[in-house]
Amino acid sequence: MFRAVRLLLKVVLGFVLVSILWVGLYAVVPPPFTFTMLGDTLAGHSVTKDWTPLSDIDPDMARAAIAGEDSKFCTHHGFDWGAIAGAAMRNAEGGRIRGGSTISQQTAKNAFLFQGGGYVRKVLEAWFTLLIETIWGKKRIMEVYLNIAETGIGTYGVEAAAQRYFGHSAARLTPTEAGRIAAVLPLPKKREAVSPTGFVRRHGNTIARYVGIVRRSGLDACLR
């Protein structure tokens, strides 16, 4: 029994050390590949991505992400407990399952983990969220998020999305274009940013209108 506990302790300590070093590496090095990208590759899709520093991405893209995904991004420490509680209550009532993940949580999942996985993945996601909030800070979290988030089948990051959907770089996105990319983020394999219809069009236009509010209200202050 003692040997088993000691072995388990070594495994846990090893995981903690490796995860800290991994997060520390990605603080300065762009994540080269993710498990989600691997899934696309195994499914026969080519992967298109183009790492772009946050300073070279139009600020309205980050504002659109904040408006559409996480309005408290600059003030929380990785978790929006109100949103998590609200999502849990809605899910308990039945119907379509909704999440309460912040941009930090999504970045942790996208950079280090895999899609699905239930409670085990959620625990790992929480651990990596704590690490990136502590080691990276908000600017790096947003930079990584906007570069590795899936924005279409085989398309990753807002630079690749801007080129695919609008034919120009992410450095000069309009609020409408940024809003449409942000509207695609939750379901990138089922939504298109070009000539969108229905929910994507409505949601994208709503996000575009909120871009100015994010700027004026200082909801993106941690990125300036």
Protein backbone atom coordinates (compact mmCIF):
# COMPACT_ATOMS: atom_id res chain seq x y z
CA MET A 1 0.00 0.00 0.00
CA PHE A 2 2.81 2.38 0.92
CA ARG A 3 4.61 1.66 -2.36
CA ALA A 4 1.43 2.30 -4.35
CA VAL A 5 0.89 5.65 -2.61
CA ARG A 6 4.51 6.61 -3.19
CA LEU A 7 4.22 5.69 -6.89
CA LEU A 8 1.01 7.72 -7.20
CA LEU A 9 2.70 10.68 -5.54
CA LYS A 10 5.59 10.47 -7.98
CA VAL A 11 3.19 10.39 -10.94
CA VAL A 12 1.30 13.42 -9.64
CA LEU A 13 4.47 15.38 -8.95
CA GLY A 14 5.82 14.44 -12.37
CA PHE A 15 2.64 15.64 -14.04
CA VAL A 16 2.74 18.93 -12.12
CA LEU A 17 6.37 19.54 -13.10
CA VAL A 18 5.84 18.65 -16.77
CA SER A 19 2.67 20.76 -17.03
CA ILE A 20 4.39 23.80 -15.49
CA LEU A 21 7.34 23.45 -17.88
CA TRP A 22 4.93 22.97 -20.82
CA VAL A 23 2.97 26.10 -19.96
CA GLY A 24 6.20 28.01 -19.40
CA LEU A 25 7.43 26.99 -22.85
CA TYR A 26 4.22 28.14 -24.53
CA ALA A 27 4.56 31.48 -22.75
CA VAL A 28 7.26 32.35 -25.28
CA VAL A 29 6.87 29.78 -28.07
CA PRO A 30 3.75 29.50 -30.27
CA PRO A 31 2.00 26.15 -29.76
CA PRO A 32 3.11 24.21 -32.86
CA PHE A 33 0.17 21.78 -33.00
CA THR A 34 -2.84 20.84 -30.90
CA PHE A 35 -4.87 17.70 -30.31
CA THR A 36 -7.79 19.30 -32.17
CA MET A 37 -5.55 19.91 -35.18
CA LEU A 38 -4.42 16.29 -34.94
CA GLY A 39 -8.06 15.20 -35.03
CA ASP A 40 -8.62 17.18 -38.23
CA THR A 41 -5.49 15.67 -39.75
CA LEU A 42 -6.59 12.13 -38.90
CA ALA A 43 -9.99 12.89 -40.42
CA GLY A 44 -8.28 13.76 -43.70
CA HIS A 45 -8.45 17.55 -43.46
CA SER A 46 -5.46 19.75 -44.14
CA VAL A 47 -4.69 22.23 -41.38
CA THR A 48 -4.33 25.92 -42.22
CA LYS A 49 -2.90 28.27 -39.60
CA ASP A 50 -0.74 31.38 -39.53
CA TRP A 51 0.57 32.54 -36.16
CA THR A 52 0.12 36.30 -35.79
CA PRO A 53 1.22 38.41 -32.79
CA LEU A 54 -1.62 40.07 -30.91
CA SER A 55 -0.20 43.48 -31.87
CA ASP A 56 -0.73 42.60 -35.56
CA ILE A 57 -4.38 41.58 -35.11
CA ASP A 58 -7.02 44.29 -35.34
CA PRO A 59 -8.05 45.15 -31.73
CA ASP A 60 -11.71 44.75 -32.74
CA MET A 61 -11.14 40.99 -33.07
CA ALA A 62 -10.21 40.64 -29.41
CA ARG A 63 -13.12 42.91 -28.52
CA ALA A 64 -15.46 40.73 -30.56
CA ALA A 65 -14.18 37.63 -28.76
CA ILE A 66 -14.79 39.32 -25.41
CA ALA A 67 -18.26 40.43 -26.50
CA GLY A 68 -19.23 37.02 -27.82
CA GLU A 69 -17.47 34.64 -25.46
CA ASP A 70 -16.38 36.23 -22.19
CA SER A 71 -17.37 39.78 -21.20
CA LYS A 72 -15.51 39.46 -17.87
CA PHE A 73 -12.24 38.30 -19.43
CA CYS A 74 -10.20 41.19 -18.04
CA THR A 75 -11.58 40.96 -14.50
CA HIS A 76 -11.84 37.26 -13.68
CA HIS A 77 -8.94 34.99 -12.76
CA GLY A 78 -9.77 32.24 -15.22
CA PHE A 79 -13.28 31.29 -14.13
CA ASP A 80 -16.59 33.13 -14.34
CA TRP A 81 -18.39 31.46 -11.47
CA GLY A 82 -21.66 33.24 -12.22
CA ALA A 83 -21.67 31.97 -15.80
CA ILE A 84 -20.73 28.46 -14.66
CA ALA A 85 -23.56 28.40 -12.11
CA GLY A 86 -26.02 29.74 -14.68
CA ALA A 87 -24.99 27.11 -17.23
CA ALA A 88 -25.33 24.36 -14.61
CA MET A 89 -28.85 25.51 -13.75
CA ARG A 90 -29.93 25.62 -17.42
CA ASN A 91 -28.45 22.20 -18.07
CA ALA A 92 -30.25 20.77 -15.04
CA GLU A 93 -33.53 21.97 -16.50
CA GLY A 94 -32.93 19.94 -19.64
CA GLY A 95 -32.70 20.95 -23.26
CA ARG A 96 -29.58 21.95 -25.14
CA ILE A 97 -26.40 21.64 -23.07
CA ARG A 98 -24.65 24.97 -22.60
CA GLY A 99 -21.21 25.71 -21.24
CA GLY A 100 -19.92 28.49 -19.04
CA SER A 101 -16.30 28.39 -20.16
CA THR A 102 -14.21 31.55 -20.20
CA ILE A 103 -11.70 32.42 -22.91
CA SER A 104 -8.98 31.32 -20.47
CA GLN A 105 -10.59 27.89 -20.07
CA GLN A 106 -11.07 27.52 -23.81
CA THR A 107 -7.44 28.47 -24.40
CA ALA A 108 -6.25 25.91 -21.84
CA LYS A 109 -8.35 23.22 -23.49
CA ASN A 110 -7.31 24.15 -27.03
CA ALA A 111 -3.59 24.42 -26.26
CA PHE A 112 -3.03 21.45 -23.97
CA LEU A 113 -6.00 19.10 -24.05
CA PHE A 114 -8.55 17.40 -26.26
CA GLN A 115 -12.22 17.87 -27.07
CA GLY A 116 -14.70 15.89 -24.98
CA GLY A 117 -13.48 13.77 -22.11
CA GLY A 118 -16.09 14.62 -19.48
CA TYR A 119 -15.10 15.39 -15.91
CA VAL A 120 -11.51 14.20 -16.25
CA ARG A 121 -10.83 16.72 -18.98
CA LYS A 122 -12.63 19.42 -16.99
CA VAL A 123 -10.34 18.85 -14.01
CA LEU A 124 -7.26 19.03 -16.24
CA GLU A 125 -8.70 22.12 -17.94
CA ALA A 126 -9.10 23.84 -14.57
CA TRP A 127 -5.48 23.06 -13.67
CA PHE A 128 -4.10 24.40 -16.95
CA THR A 129 -6.38 27.45 -16.68
CA LEU A 130 -4.84 28.28 -13.30
CA LEU A 131 -1.36 27.86 -14.77
CA ILE A 132 -1.85 30.09 -17.82
CA GLU A 133 -3.55 32.79 -15.74
CA THR A 134 -0.55 32.73 -13.39
CA ILE A 135 2.29 32.32 -15.87
CA TRP A 136 1.04 33.92 -19.08
CA GLY A 137 -1.24 36.80 -18.18
CA LYS A 138 -4.19 38.13 -20.17
CA LYS A 139 -2.40 39.39 -23.29
CA ARG A 140 -0.69 36.06 -23.92
CA ILE A 141 -3.90 34.15 -23.24
CA MET A 142 -5.79 36.23 -25.81
CA GLU A 143 -2.90 35.96 -28.28
CA VAL A 144 -2.83 32.17 -28.06
CA TYR A 145 -6.63 31.95 -28.14
CA LEU A 146 -6.91 34.03 -31.32
CA ASN A 147 -4.19 31.95 -32.98
CA ILE A 148 -5.25 28.38 -32.20
CA ALA A 149 -9.04 28.59 -31.87
CA GLU A 150 -10.77 26.57 -34.58
CA THR A 151 -12.41 28.98 -37.04
CA GLY A 152 -13.58 26.48 -39.64
CA ILE A 153 -12.92 22.93 -40.79
CA GLY A 154 -9.14 22.68 -40.88
CA THR A 155 -8.81 26.42 -40.24
CA TYR A 156 -7.19 27.69 -37.04
CA GLY A 157 -6.69 31.21 -35.81
CA VAL A 158 -8.14 34.52 -36.90
CA GLU A 159 -5.43 35.23 -39.50
CA ALA A 160 -6.27 32.06 -41.41
CA ALA A 161 -9.97 32.85 -40.95
CA ALA A 162 -9.61 36.40 -42.25
CA GLN A 163 -7.75 35.15 -45.31
CA ARG A 164 -10.24 32.33 -45.91
CA TYR A 165 -13.43 34.30 -45.41
CA PHE A 166 -12.56 37.86 -46.39
CA GLY A 167 -9.40 37.69 -48.49
CA HIS A 168 -7.25 39.96 -46.35
CA SER A 169 -5.23 39.87 -43.14
CA ALA A 170 -6.57 40.01 -39.59
CA ALA A 171 -4.76 43.33 -39.20
CA ARG A 172 -7.64 45.17 -40.87
CA LEU A 173 -10.81 43.40 -39.86
CA THR A 174 -13.97 45.48 -39.71
CA PRO A 175 -16.23 45.13 -36.65
CA THR A 176 -18.70 43.17 -38.81
CA GLU A 177 -16.00 40.76 -39.99
CA ALA A 178 -14.64 40.33 -36.46
CA GLY A 179 -18.17 39.72 -35.21
CA ARG A 180 -18.78 37.04 -37.80
CA ILE A 181 -15.57 35.20 -36.94
CA ALA A 182 -16.52 35.39 -33.25
CA ALA A 183 -19.97 34.01 -34.06
CA VAL A 184 -18.36 31.00 -35.76
CA LEU A 185 -16.09 30.14 -32.80
CA PRO A 186 -18.53 28.05 -30.70
CA LEU A 187 -19.34 25.67 -33.61
CA PRO A 188 -16.65 26.19 -36.26
CA LYS A 189 -17.38 22.98 -38.15
CA LYS A 190 -21.04 23.90 -38.65
CA ARG A 191 -20.93 27.67 -39.20
CA GLU A 192 -19.64 29.90 -42.01
CA ALA A 193 -18.56 33.52 -41.69
CA VAL A 194 -19.06 34.27 -45.39
CA SER A 195 -22.64 35.22 -46.31
CA PRO A 196 -23.98 33.76 -43.07
CA THR A 197 -27.67 33.17 -42.55
CA GLY A 198 -29.94 32.62 -39.58
CA PHE A 199 -28.33 32.53 -36.16
CA VAL A 200 -24.76 33.19 -37.34
CA ARG A 201 -25.81 36.35 -39.16
CA ARG A 202 -27.91 37.64 -36.26
CA HIS A 203 -25.35 36.74 -33.61
CA GLY A 204 -22.46 38.10 -35.66
CA ASN A 205 -24.24 41.41 -36.17
CA THR A 206 -25.02 41.61 -32.45
CA ILE A 207 -21.38 40.99 -31.55
CA ALA A 208 -20.31 43.65 -34.07
CA ARG A 209 -22.57 46.18 -32.36
CA TYR A 210 -21.09 45.31 -28.98
CA VAL A 211 -17.48 45.79 -30.16
CA GLY A 212 -17.79 49.54 -29.59
CA ILE A 213 -19.31 48.99 -26.16
CA VAL A 214 -16.38 46.77 -25.17
CA ARG A 215 -13.96 49.51 -26.22
CA ARG A 216 -15.82 52.38 -24.55
CA SER A 217 -16.49 50.45 -21.35
CA GLY A 218 -12.89 49.35 -21.01
CA LEU A 219 -13.77 45.66 -21.03
CA ASP A 220 -10.59 45.12 -23.02
CA ALA A 221 -8.41 47.24 -20.71
CA CYS A 222 -6.10 44.33 -19.86
CA LEU A 223 -5.10 44.08 -23.53
CA ARG A 224 -4.14 47.72 -24.07
